Amino acid sequence: MSPAVIKTGATTWAERSLLATGWYPPDVRSAAARLRYYASQFPLVENDAGYWALPAPEQVETWARTVPAGFTMNMKAHALLTGHYTDPRRLPRDVRDALGGELLAKPHVYPQDLGPELMRELSRRFHEALVPLHRRGQLGVVLFQFPVWFAIGREHKETLSRIRQELLPYRVAVEFRNATWMSEGNRHETLALLAAEGLIYTCVDEPQGFPSSVPPLAAATGDLAVVRLHGRNGARWHRGARTAAERFEYLYPAEELREWVPKIRALAERTREVHVLMNNCYGDYAVRNAREMAELLEEARDGTARAAPEHAPA
């Protein structure tokens, strides 16, 4: 197998702190112009809009028409589909009407508040919304980033199987925020399960030492690999911050990015495509580090020692 195509990018192109840095040229002002400019700089982006609210197919069609052929957009799954809570005011009007006044008065609602029928409907609408990207060959993966309370266990293993079936034919990547999945005793089973279910393991770089901490292992469970780098700001990771961007306020020095170069290259030896995404989305940190990572990978292309990734058994 030839080495994989490696695509680098950021997990946002429209975060407020990025817009404030002046990274975009002065004449790039509209949402469409920003996406178009971003896509001229990177071949990959992660779109988290669908995490906060179900995207309309018309909006997804606009994104698909804005980016060039060959550009890849990964979509983050809606919060409720991953077991997180959401603001009920962000739900579609008919879903809000079905919830009733007591739940609508809450700041957050969880999947169990909606019940199985409404949750299936949300999944169906989310799936339908992504058709324009998929039809044009621009949809990379749908990322399911699970919450810290999503620990390894029978029920959650069944959840993994269910979401894979509900999202077909889209490719689904899974990111864990609970250390139990990739503990030394469980990681072999976890990777084998993901491989058997046709799910993509998301490799991470993040602060260590917390219940949510997953070790920075390079593992492939299919012919596409995903790497997401969140920064190493342990204080913000543990205690949170005023904004999502502040939680990831961390600019990687070159030597820390370089740690991932042999891991990414090793993943590329075992897959057809590797997505490397910077999620340190504070100011212009993500786009700066994404550019640096791309340059480091290019420099290493002709002869860096490679570390073998962990991978699911055949």
C-alpha atoms as a PDB file:
ATOM      1  CA  MET A   1       0.000   0.000   0.000  1.00  0.00           C
ATOM      2  CA  SER A   2       1.301   3.458  -0.884  1.00  0.00           C
ATOM      3  CA  PRO A   3       1.675   5.939   1.987  1.00  0.00           C
ATOM      4  CA  ALA A   4      -1.564   7.710   2.812  1.00  0.00           C
ATOM      5  CA  VAL A   5      -2.584  11.198   1.867  1.00  0.00           C
ATOM      6  CA  ILE A   6      -2.045  13.337   4.965  1.00  0.00           C
ATOM      7  CA  LYS A   7      -4.352  16.342   5.345  1.00  0.00           C
ATOM      8  CA  THR A   8      -3.856  18.976   8.025  1.00  0.00           C
ATOM      9  CA  GLY A   9      -6.225  21.671   9.203  1.00  0.00           C
ATOM     10  CA  ALA A  10      -8.036  23.265  12.137  1.00  0.00           C
ATOM     11  CA  THR A  11     -11.297  22.548  13.918  1.00  0.00           C
ATOM     12  CA  THR A  12     -12.747  25.941  13.081  1.00  0.00           C
ATOM     13  CA  TRP A  13     -12.558  28.689  10.514  1.00  0.00           C
ATOM     14  CA  ALA A  14     -14.991  31.124  12.153  1.00  0.00           C
ATOM     15  CA  GLU A  15     -14.176  31.201  15.878  1.00  0.00           C
ATOM     16  CA  ARG A  16     -14.421  34.755  17.205  1.00  0.00           C
ATOM     17  CA  SER A  17     -10.937  34.891  18.661  1.00  0.00           C
ATOM     18  CA  LEU A  18      -9.509  33.781  15.299  1.00  0.00           C
ATOM     19  CA  LEU A  19     -11.406  36.523  13.460  1.00  0.00           C
ATOM     20  CA  ALA A  20     -10.002  39.072  15.904  1.00  0.00           C
ATOM     21  CA  THR A  21      -6.374  38.193  15.093  1.00  0.00           C
ATOM     22  CA  GLY A  22      -6.372  39.534  11.561  1.00  0.00           C
ATOM     23  CA  TRP A  23      -5.501  36.150  10.060  1.00  0.00           C
ATOM     24  CA  TYR A  24      -8.088  36.792   7.372  1.00  0.00           C
ATOM     25  CA  PRO A  25      -7.253  39.543   4.870  1.00  0.00           C
ATOM     26  CA  PRO A  26      -9.226  42.775   5.393  1.00  0.00           C
ATOM     27  CA  ASP A  27     -11.409  42.195   2.335  1.00  0.00           C
ATOM     28  CA  VAL A  28     -12.462  38.714   3.518  1.00  0.00           C
ATOM     29  CA  ARG A  29     -15.516  39.629   5.547  1.00  0.00           C
ATOM     30  CA  SER A  30     -18.501  37.392   4.832  1.00  0.00           C
ATOM     31  CA  ALA A  31     -18.939  33.879   6.191  1.00  0.00           C
ATOM     32  CA  ALA A  32     -18.662  32.415   2.700  1.00  0.00           C
ATOM     33  CA  ALA A  33     -15.544  34.438   1.921  1.00  0.00           C
ATOM     34  CA  ARG A  34     -13.873  33.235   5.105  1.00  0.00           C
ATOM     35  CA  LEU A  35     -14.579  29.606   4.338  1.00  0.00           C
ATOM     36  CA  ARG A  36     -13.377  30.101   0.774  1.00  0.00           C
ATOM     37  CA  TYR A  37     -10.149  31.711   2.006  1.00  0.00           C
ATOM     38  CA  TYR A  38      -9.598  29.041   4.650  1.00  0.00           C
ATOM     39  CA  ALA A  39     -10.037  26.340   1.998  1.00  0.00           C
ATOM     40  CA  SER A  40      -7.356  28.038  -0.088  1.00  0.00           C
ATOM     41  CA  GLN A  41      -4.913  27.582   2.804  1.00  0.00           C
ATOM     42  CA  PHE A  42      -5.745  24.081   4.062  1.00  0.00           C
ATOM     43  CA  PRO A  43      -7.236  20.907   2.555  1.00  0.00           C
ATOM     44  CA  LEU A  44      -9.211  19.960   5.684  1.00  0.00           C
ATOM     45  CA  VAL A  45     -11.453  21.506   8.312  1.00  0.00           C
ATOM     46  CA  GLU A  46     -13.657  20.258  11.114  1.00  0.00           C
ATOM     47  CA  ASN A  47     -17.090  21.864  11.347  1.00  0.00           C
ATOM     48  CA  ASP A  48     -18.603  21.923  14.831  1.00  0.00           C
ATOM     49  CA  ALA A  49     -21.758  23.854  13.911  1.00  0.00           C
ATOM     50  CA  GLY A  50     -23.765  20.637  13.918  1.00  0.00           C
ATOM     51  CA  TYR A  51     -22.730  19.954  17.504  1.00  0.00           C
ATOM     52  CA  TRP A  52     -24.540  23.044  18.734  1.00  0.00           C
ATOM     53  CA  ALA A  53     -27.612  22.903  16.500  1.00  0.00           C
ATOM     54  CA  LEU A  54     -28.919  20.626  13.770  1.00  0.00           C
ATOM     55  CA  PRO A  55     -27.710  22.067  10.462  1.00  0.00           C
ATOM     56  CA  ALA A  56     -30.224  22.732   7.710  1.00  0.00           C
ATOM     57  CA  PRO A  57     -29.546  20.902   4.432  1.00  0.00           C
ATOM     58  CA  GLU A  58     -29.547  24.295   2.701  1.00  0.00           C
ATOM     59  CA  GLN A  59     -26.691  25.495   4.911  1.00  0.00           C
ATOM     60  CA  VAL A  60     -24.709  22.325   4.273  1.00  0.00           C
ATOM     61  CA  GLU A  61     -25.298  22.776   0.554  1.00  0.00           C
ATOM     62  CA  THR A  62     -23.852  26.291   0.830  1.00  0.00           C
ATOM     63  CA  TRP A  63     -20.720  24.968   2.556  1.00  0.00           C
ATOM     64  CA  ALA A  64     -20.362  22.284  -0.113  1.00  0.00           C
ATOM     65  CA  ARG A  65     -20.626  24.818  -2.939  1.00  0.00           C
ATOM     66  CA  THR A  66     -18.175  27.206  -1.273  1.00  0.00           C
ATOM     67  CA  VAL A  67     -15.205  24.863  -0.944  1.00  0.00           C
ATOM     68  CA  PRO A  68     -13.289  23.454  -3.922  1.00  0.00           C
ATOM     69  CA  ALA A  69     -13.292  19.894  -5.180  1.00  0.00           C
ATOM     70  CA  GLY A  70     -10.921  17.781  -3.145  1.00  0.00           C
ATOM     71  CA  PHE A  71     -11.493  19.767   0.047  1.00  0.00           C
ATOM     72  CA  THR A  72     -12.570  17.703   3.057  1.00  0.00           C
ATOM     73  CA  MET A  73     -14.994  18.790   5.774  1.00  0.00           C
ATOM     74  CA  ASN A  74     -15.400  16.654   8.864  1.00  0.00           C
ATOM     75  CA  MET A  75     -18.628  17.201  10.766  1.00  0.00           C
ATOM     76  CA  LYS A  76     -18.988  17.003  14.522  1.00  0.00           C
ATOM     77  CA  ALA A  77     -22.091  15.093  15.599  1.00  0.00           C
ATOM     78  CA  HIS A  78     -24.831  16.905  17.495  1.00  0.00           C
ATOM     79  CA  ALA A  79     -24.330  17.097  21.250  1.00  0.00           C
ATOM     80  CA  LEU A  80     -27.387  14.995  22.071  1.00  0.00           C
ATOM     81  CA  LEU A  81     -26.321  12.247  19.658  1.00  0.00           C
ATOM     82  CA  THR A  82     -23.060  11.913  21.594  1.00  0.00           C
ATOM     83  CA  GLY A  83     -24.676  11.854  25.042  1.00  0.00           C
ATOM     84  CA  HIS A  84     -23.944  15.483  25.913  1.00  0.00           C
ATOM     85  CA  TYR A  85     -26.564  18.009  26.967  1.00  0.00           C
ATOM     86  CA  THR A  86     -27.785  20.918  24.885  1.00  0.00           C
ATOM     87  CA  ASP A  87     -29.678  24.163  25.314  1.00  0.00           C
ATOM     88  CA  PRO A  88     -33.303  23.286  24.466  1.00  0.00           C
ATOM     89  CA  ARG A  89     -33.685  26.645  22.737  1.00  0.00           C
ATOM     90  CA  ARG A  90     -31.282  25.408  20.045  1.00  0.00           C
ATOM     91  CA  LEU A  91     -33.547  22.511  19.089  1.00  0.00           C
ATOM     92  CA  PRO A  92     -35.929  22.671  16.109  1.00  0.00           C
ATOM     93  CA  ARG A  93     -39.254  24.319  16.897  1.00  0.00           C
ATOM     94  CA  ASP A  94     -41.339  21.154  16.551  1.00  0.00           C
ATOM     95  CA  VAL A  95     -38.974  19.280  18.864  1.00  0.00           C
ATOM     96  CA  ARG A  96     -39.201  22.075  21.411  1.00  0.00           C
ATOM     97  CA  ASP A  97     -42.990  21.930  21.196  1.00  0.00           C
ATOM     98  CA  ALA A  98     -42.870  18.184  21.864  1.00  0.00           C
ATOM     99  CA  LEU A  99     -40.752  18.687  24.976  1.00  0.00           C
ATOM    100  CA  GLY A 100     -43.217  20.869  26.811  1.00  0.00           C
ATOM    101  CA  GLY A 101     -42.766  23.845  29.099  1.00  0.00           C
ATOM    102  CA  GLU A 102     -41.030  22.208  32.058  1.00  0.00           C
ATOM    103  CA  LEU A 103     -38.115  20.896  30.027  1.00  0.00           C
ATOM    104  CA  LEU A 104     -37.887  24.052  27.938  1.00  0.00           C
ATOM    105  CA  ALA A 105     -37.390  26.031  31.131  1.00  0.00           C
ATOM    106  CA  LYS A 106     -34.226  24.078  31.920  1.00  0.00           C
ATOM    107  CA  PRO A 107     -30.830  25.426  30.817  1.00  0.00           C
ATOM    108  CA  HIS A 108     -29.845  21.969  29.583  1.00  0.00           C
ATOM    109  CA  VAL A 109     -31.631  18.870  28.331  1.00  0.00           C
ATOM    110  CA  TYR A 110     -30.137  15.399  27.940  1.00  0.00           C
ATOM    111  CA  PRO A 111     -30.964  12.518  25.578  1.00  0.00           C
ATOM    112  CA  GLN A 112     -33.075  10.846  28.253  1.00  0.00           C
ATOM    113  CA  ASP A 113     -35.217  13.994  28.452  1.00  0.00           C
ATOM    114  CA  LEU A 114     -36.157  13.625  24.791  1.00  0.00           C
ATOM    115  CA  GLY A 115     -36.758   9.881  24.826  1.00  0.00           C
ATOM    116  CA  PRO A 116     -36.000   7.267  22.129  1.00  0.00           C
ATOM    117  CA  GLU A 117     -38.487   8.476  19.517  1.00  0.00           C
ATOM    118  CA  LEU A 118     -37.313  12.097  19.437  1.00  0.00           C
ATOM    119  CA  MET A 119     -33.680  10.987  19.561  1.00  0.00           C
ATOM    120  CA  ARG A 120     -34.211   8.790  16.486  1.00  0.00           C
ATOM    121  CA  GLU A 121     -35.786  11.757  14.723  1.00  0.00           C
ATOM    122  CA  LEU A 122     -32.809  13.987  15.554  1.00  0.00           C
ATOM    123  CA  SER A 123     -30.453  11.328  14.231  1.00  0.00           C
ATOM    124  CA  ARG A 124     -32.476  11.052  11.014  1.00  0.00           C
ATOM    125  CA  ARG A 125     -32.440  14.818  10.457  1.00  0.00           C
ATOM    126  CA  PHE A 126     -28.732  15.082  11.160  1.00  0.00           C
ATOM    127  CA  HIS A 127     -28.057  12.286   8.677  1.00  0.00           C
ATOM    128  CA  GLU A 128     -30.241  13.941   6.036  1.00  0.00           C
ATOM    129  CA  ALA A 129     -28.563  17.315   6.483  1.00  0.00           C
ATOM    130  CA  LEU A 130     -25.128  15.955   5.526  1.00  0.00           C
ATOM    131  CA  VAL A 131     -26.240  14.589   2.144  1.00  0.00           C
ATOM    132  CA  PRO A 132     -24.938  17.591   0.119  1.00  0.00           C
ATOM    133  CA  LEU A 133     -21.383  17.155   1.422  1.00  0.00           C
ATOM    134  CA  HIS A 134     -21.477  13.394   1.002  1.00  0.00           C
ATOM    135  CA  ARG A 135     -22.891  13.611  -2.508  1.00  0.00           C
ATOM    136  CA  ARG A 136     -20.023  15.870  -3.591  1.00  0.00           C
ATOM    137  CA  GLY A 137     -17.369  13.668  -1.985  1.00  0.00           C
ATOM    138  CA  GLN A 138     -16.433  16.404   0.494  1.00  0.00           C
ATOM    139  CA  LEU A 139     -17.604  14.750   3.727  1.00  0.00           C
ATOM    140  CA  GLY A 140     -14.688  13.227   5.562  1.00  0.00           C
ATOM    141  CA  VAL A 141     -15.892  11.739   8.844  1.00  0.00           C
ATOM    142  CA  VAL A 142     -18.675  12.393  11.309  1.00  0.00           C
ATOM    143  CA  LEU A 143     -16.962  12.833  14.665  1.00  0.00           C
ATOM    144  CA  PHE A 144     -18.651  11.486  17.776  1.00  0.00           C
ATOM    145  CA  GLN A 145     -16.836  13.069  20.710  1.00  0.00           C
ATOM    146  CA  PHE A 146     -18.224  11.369  23.780  1.00  0.00           C
ATOM    147  CA  PRO A 147     -18.438  12.967  27.255  1.00  0.00           C
ATOM    148  CA  VAL A 148     -16.328  12.036  30.256  1.00  0.00           C
ATOM    149  CA  TRP A 149     -19.186   9.964  31.721  1.00  0.00           C
ATOM    150  CA  PHE A 150     -19.159   7.693  28.646  1.00  0.00           C
ATOM    151  CA  ALA A 151     -17.066   4.929  30.230  1.00  0.00           C
ATOM    152  CA  ILE A 152     -16.347   1.500  28.805  1.00  0.00           C
ATOM    153  CA  GLY A 153     -19.184  -0.942  29.421  1.00  0.00           C
ATOM    154  CA  ARG A 154     -21.756  -3.112  27.669  1.00  0.00           C
ATOM    155  CA  GLU A 155     -24.359  -0.380  27.168  1.00  0.00           C
ATOM    156  CA  HIS A 156     -21.863   2.034  25.658  1.00  0.00           C
ATOM    157  CA  LYS A 157     -20.390  -0.637  23.418  1.00  0.00           C
ATOM    158  CA  GLU A 158     -23.899  -1.199  22.097  1.00  0.00           C
ATOM    159  CA  THR A 159     -24.171   2.561  21.528  1.00  0.00           C
ATOM    160  CA  LEU A 160     -21.112   2.435  19.283  1.00  0.00           C
ATOM    161  CA  SER A 161     -22.695  -0.291  17.182  1.00  0.00           C
ATOM    162  CA  ARG A 162     -25.981   1.610  16.922  1.00  0.00           C
ATOM    163  CA  ILE A 163     -24.512   4.924  15.797  1.00  0.00           C
ATOM    164  CA  ARG A 164     -22.493   3.197  13.100  1.00  0.00           C
ATOM    165  CA  GLN A 165     -25.673   1.708  11.654  1.00  0.00           C
ATOM    166  CA  GLU A 166     -27.637   4.962  11.949  1.00  0.00           C
ATOM    167  CA  LEU A 167     -24.956   6.980  10.123  1.00  0.00           C
ATOM    168  CA  LEU A 168     -24.351   4.639   7.185  1.00  0.00           C
ATOM    169  CA  PRO A 169     -22.977   5.244   4.606  1.00  0.00           C
ATOM    170  CA  TYR A 170     -21.036   8.037   6.315  1.00  0.00           C
ATOM    171  CA  ARG A 171     -17.722   7.284   7.991  1.00  0.00           C
ATOM    172  CA  VAL A 172     -17.822   7.676  11.761  1.00  0.00           C
ATOM    173  CA  ALA A 173     -14.872   8.595  13.960  1.00  0.00           C
ATOM    174  CA  VAL A 174     -15.007   8.136  17.720  1.00  0.00           C
ATOM    175  CA  GLU A 175     -13.201  10.240  20.321  1.00  0.00           C
ATOM    176  CA  PHE A 176     -13.261   9.161  23.936  1.00  0.00           C
ATOM    177  CA  ARG A 177     -13.043  11.538  26.875  1.00  0.00           C
ATOM    178  CA  ASN A 178     -12.965   8.786  29.478  1.00  0.00           C
ATOM    179  CA  ALA A 179      -9.660   7.085  30.281  1.00  0.00           C
ATOM    180  CA  THR A 180     -11.175   3.619  30.773  1.00  0.00           C
ATOM    181  CA  TRP A 181     -11.442   2.921  27.042  1.00  0.00           C
ATOM    182  CA  MET A 182      -7.724   3.222  26.427  1.00  0.00           C
ATOM    183  CA  SER A 183      -6.316   2.016  29.729  1.00  0.00           C
ATOM    184  CA  GLU A 184      -3.604  -0.607  29.389  1.00  0.00           C
ATOM    185  CA  GLY A 185      -6.069  -3.347  30.251  1.00  0.00           C
ATOM    186  CA  ASN A 186      -8.794  -2.228  27.840  1.00  0.00           C
ATOM    187  CA  ARG A 187      -7.131  -0.622  24.819  1.00  0.00           C
ATOM    188  CA  HIS A 188      -6.682  -3.867  22.863  1.00  0.00           C
ATOM    189  CA  GLU A 189     -10.372  -4.694  23.297  1.00  0.00           C
ATOM    190  CA  THR A 190     -11.419  -1.138  22.445  1.00  0.00           C
ATOM    191  CA  LEU A 191      -9.424  -0.994  19.216  1.00  0.00           C
ATOM    192  CA  ALA A 192     -10.622  -4.441  18.174  1.00  0.00           C
ATOM    193  CA  LEU A 193     -14.234  -3.408  18.815  1.00  0.00           C
ATOM    194  CA  LEU A 194     -13.901  -0.234  16.750  1.00  0.00           C
ATOM    195  CA  ALA A 195     -12.280  -2.137  13.898  1.00  0.00           C
ATOM    196  CA  ALA A 196     -15.032  -4.769  13.945  1.00  0.00           C
ATOM    197  CA  GLU A 197     -17.742  -2.088  13.903  1.00  0.00           C
ATOM    198  CA  GLY A 198     -16.115  -0.096  11.099  1.00  0.00           C
ATOM    199  CA  LEU A 199     -15.460   2.882  13.381  1.00  0.00           C
ATOM    200  CA  ILE A 200     -12.394   5.129  13.230  1.00  0.00           C
ATOM    201  CA  TYR A 201     -10.379   5.644  16.387  1.00  0.00           C
ATOM    202  CA  THR A 202      -9.476   9.281  17.006  1.00  0.00           C
ATOM    203  CA  CYS A 203      -5.915   9.668  18.255  1.00  0.00           C
ATOM    204  CA  VAL A 204      -5.509  12.589  20.645  1.00  0.00           C
ATOM    205  CA  ASP A 205      -2.931  14.831  22.221  1.00  0.00           C
ATOM    206  CA  GLU A 206      -4.310  16.381  25.394  1.00  0.00           C
ATOM    207  CA  PRO A 207      -3.465  17.075  29.056  1.00  0.00           C
ATOM    208  CA  GLN A 208      -2.815  13.929  31.048  1.00  0.00           C
ATOM    209  CA  GLY A 209      -3.669  12.905  34.596  1.00  0.00           C
ATOM    210  CA  PHE A 210      -7.444  13.477  34.554  1.00  0.00           C
ATOM    211  CA  PRO A 211     -10.402  11.048  34.308  1.00  0.00           C
ATOM    212  CA  SER A 212     -10.965  12.426  30.807  1.00  0.00           C
ATOM    213  CA  SER A 213      -7.359  11.920  29.728  1.00  0.00           C
ATOM    214  CA  VAL A 214      -6.717   9.496  26.878  1.00  0.00           C
ATOM    215  CA  PRO A 215      -3.052   8.669  26.211  1.00  0.00           C
ATOM    216  CA  PRO A 216      -1.409  10.030  23.042  1.00  0.00           C
ATOM    217  CA  LEU A 217      -1.360   6.730  21.167  1.00  0.00           C
ATOM    218  CA  ALA A 218      -1.234   6.445  17.394  1.00  0.00           C
ATOM    219  CA  ALA A 219      -3.775   3.758  16.542  1.00  0.00           C
ATOM    220  CA  ALA A 220      -5.539   2.844  13.322  1.00  0.00           C
ATOM    221  CA  THR A 221      -8.778   0.847  13.172  1.00  0.00           C
ATOM    222  CA  GLY A 222      -9.441   1.194   9.449  1.00  0.00           C
ATOM    223  CA  ASP A 223      -8.051   2.692   6.272  1.00  0.00           C
ATOM    224  CA  LEU A 224      -8.521   6.256   7.521  1.00  0.00           C
ATOM    225  CA  ALA A 225      -6.938   7.689  10.680  1.00  0.00           C
ATOM    226  CA  VAL A 226      -7.842  10.842  12.587  1.00  0.00           C
ATOM    227  CA  VAL A 227      -5.541  12.794  14.924  1.00  0.00           C
ATOM    228  CA  ARG A 228      -6.823  15.711  17.003  1.00  0.00           C
ATOM    229  CA  LEU A 229      -4.453  17.866  19.056  1.00  0.00           C
ATOM    230  CA  HIS A 230      -6.114  19.774  21.884  1.00  0.00           C
ATOM    231  CA  GLY A 231      -3.121  21.446  23.484  1.00  0.00           C
ATOM    232  CA  ARG A 232      -1.595  20.716  26.875  1.00  0.00           C
ATOM    233  CA  ASN A 233      -3.140  23.367  29.091  1.00  0.00           C
ATOM    234  CA  GLY A 234      -3.940  21.154  32.072  1.00  0.00           C
ATOM    235  CA  ALA A 235      -5.372  23.913  34.275  1.00  0.00           C
ATOM    236  CA  ARG A 236      -7.959  24.928  31.679  1.00  0.00           C
ATOM    237  CA  TRP A 237      -8.683  21.322  30.664  1.00  0.00           C
ATOM    238  CA  HIS A 238      -9.563  20.347  34.226  1.00  0.00           C
ATOM    239  CA  ARG A 239     -11.388  23.434  35.420  1.00  0.00           C
ATOM    240  CA  GLY A 240     -12.772  24.776  32.190  1.00  0.00           C
ATOM    241  CA  ALA A 241     -12.767  28.397  31.093  1.00  0.00           C
ATOM    242  CA  ARG A 242     -15.105  31.250  30.320  1.00  0.00           C
ATOM    243  CA  THR A 243     -15.268  30.265  26.656  1.00  0.00           C
ATOM    244  CA  ALA A 244     -14.591  27.098  24.687  1.00  0.00           C
ATOM    245  CA  ALA A 245     -11.668  28.837  22.977  1.00  0.00           C
ATOM    246  CA  GLU A 246      -9.986  29.685  26.285  1.00  0.00           C
ATOM    247  CA  ARG A 247     -10.076  26.040  27.318  1.00  0.00           C
ATOM    248  CA  PHE A 248      -7.734  25.279  24.413  1.00  0.00           C
ATOM    249  CA  GLU A 249      -5.427  28.271  24.889  1.00  0.00           C
ATOM    250  CA  TYR A 250      -2.180  26.540  24.053  1.00  0.00           C
ATOM    251  CA  LEU A 251       0.329  27.199  21.302  1.00  0.00           C
ATOM    252  CA  TYR A 252       2.387  24.098  20.576  1.00  0.00           C
ATOM    253  CA  PRO A 253       6.136  24.677  20.322  1.00  0.00           C
ATOM    254  CA  ALA A 254       7.772  23.005  17.355  1.00  0.00           C
ATOM    255  CA  GLU A 255       9.371  20.288  19.469  1.00  0.00           C
ATOM    256  CA  GLU A 256       5.968  19.103  20.715  1.00  0.00           C
ATOM    257  CA  LEU A 257       4.506  19.038  17.226  1.00  0.00           C
ATOM    258  CA  ARG A 258       7.580  17.119  16.114  1.00  0.00           C
ATOM    259  CA  GLU A 259       6.709  14.350  18.619  1.00  0.00           C
ATOM    260  CA  TRP A 260       3.725  13.518  16.431  1.00  0.00           C
ATOM    261  CA  VAL A 261       5.518  13.462  13.095  1.00  0.00           C
ATOM    262  CA  PRO A 262       6.766   9.837  13.292  1.00  0.00           C
ATOM    263  CA  LYS A 263       3.408   8.743  14.716  1.00  0.00           C
ATOM    264  CA  ILE A 264       1.492  10.361  11.873  1.00  0.00           C
ATOM    265  CA  ARG A 265       3.860   8.957   9.287  1.00  0.00           C
ATOM    266  CA  ALA A 266       3.458   5.511  10.817  1.00  0.00           C
ATOM    267  CA  LEU A 267      -0.321   5.865  10.582  1.00  0.00           C
ATOM    268  CA  ALA A 268       0.119   6.825   6.955  1.00  0.00           C
ATOM    269  CA  GLU A 269       1.902   3.533   6.327  1.00  0.00           C
ATOM    270  CA  ARG A 270      -1.143   1.608   7.521  1.00  0.00           C
ATOM    271  CA  THR A 271      -3.976   3.685   6.039  1.00  0.00           C
ATOM    272  CA  ARG A 272      -5.053   5.462   2.865  1.00  0.00           C
ATOM    273  CA  GLU A 273      -5.692   8.850   4.472  1.00  0.00           C
ATOM    274  CA  VAL A 274      -4.779  10.642   7.703  1.00  0.00           C
ATOM    275  CA  HIS A 275      -6.585  13.712   9.048  1.00  0.00           C
ATOM    276  CA  VAL A 276      -4.526  15.872  11.417  1.00  0.00           C
ATOM    277  CA  LEU A 277      -6.596  18.560  13.119  1.00  0.00           C
ATOM    278  CA  MET A 278      -5.500  21.266  15.529  1.00  0.00           C
ATOM    279  CA  ASN A 279      -8.140  21.930  18.167  1.00  0.00           C
ATOM    280  CA  ASN A 280      -6.169  24.551  20.113  1.00  0.00           C
ATOM    281  CA  CYS A 281      -8.646  27.082  18.774  1.00  0.00           C
ATOM    282  CA  TYR A 282      -7.647  30.181  20.684  1.00  0.00           C
ATOM    283  CA  GLY A 283      -6.769  33.157  18.530  1.00  0.00           C
ATOM    284  CA  ASP A 284      -4.776  31.975  15.554  1.00  0.00           C
ATOM    285  CA  TYR A 285      -3.017  29.163  17.447  1.00  0.00           C
ATOM    286  CA  ALA A 286      -4.757  26.366  15.534  1.00  0.00           C
ATOM    287  CA  VAL A 287      -4.054  27.699  12.050  1.00  0.00           C
ATOM    288  CA  ARG A 288      -0.466  28.563  12.970  1.00  0.00           C
ATOM    289  CA  ASN A 289       0.191  25.107  14.371  1.00  0.00           C
ATOM    290  CA  ALA A 290      -1.627  23.416  11.481  1.00  0.00           C
ATOM    291  CA  ARG A 291       0.688  25.184   9.045  1.00  0.00           C
ATOM    292  CA  GLU A 292       3.732  24.239  11.135  1.00  0.00           C
ATOM    293  CA  MET A 293       2.621  20.616  11.324  1.00  0.00           C
ATOM    294  CA  ALA A 294       2.166  20.453   7.570  1.00  0.00           C
ATOM    295  CA  GLU A 295       5.663  21.854   7.098  1.00  0.00           C
ATOM    296  CA  LEU A 296       7.190  19.394   9.572  1.00  0.00           C
ATOM    297  CA  LEU A 297       5.493  16.469   7.841  1.00  0.00           C
ATOM    298  CA  GLU A 298       6.719  17.712   4.480  1.00  0.00           C
ATOM    299  CA  GLU A 299      10.273  18.026   5.789  1.00  0.00           C
ATOM    300  CA  ALA A 300      10.145  14.514   7.231  1.00  0.00           C
ATOM    301  CA  ARG A 301       8.710  12.911   4.126  1.00  0.00           C
ATOM    302  CA  ASP A 302      12.037  11.652   2.879  1.00  0.00           C
ATOM    303  CA  GLY A 303      13.507   9.840   5.843  1.00  0.00           C
ATOM    304  CA  THR A 304      12.338  10.225   9.429  1.00  0.00           C
ATOM    305  CA  ALA A 305      12.499   7.202  11.733  1.00  0.00           C
ATOM    306  CA  ARG A 306       8.971   5.932  12.223  1.00  0.00           C
ATOM    307  CA  ALA A 307       7.283   4.579  15.309  1.00  0.00           C
ATOM    308  CA  ALA A 308       4.872   1.742  14.648  1.00  0.00           C
ATOM    309  CA  PRO A 309       1.281   2.654  15.608  1.00  0.00           C
ATOM    310  CA  GLU A 310      -0.883   0.454  17.688  1.00  0.00           C
ATOM    311  CA  HIS A 311      -3.637  -1.097  15.649  1.00  0.00           C
ATOM    312  CA  ALA A 312      -6.472  -3.508  15.990  1.00  0.00           C
ATOM    313  CA  PRO A 313      -5.660  -7.174  15.367  1.00  0.00           C
ATOM    314  CA  ALA A 314      -6.590  -8.666  12.031  1.00  0.00           C
END
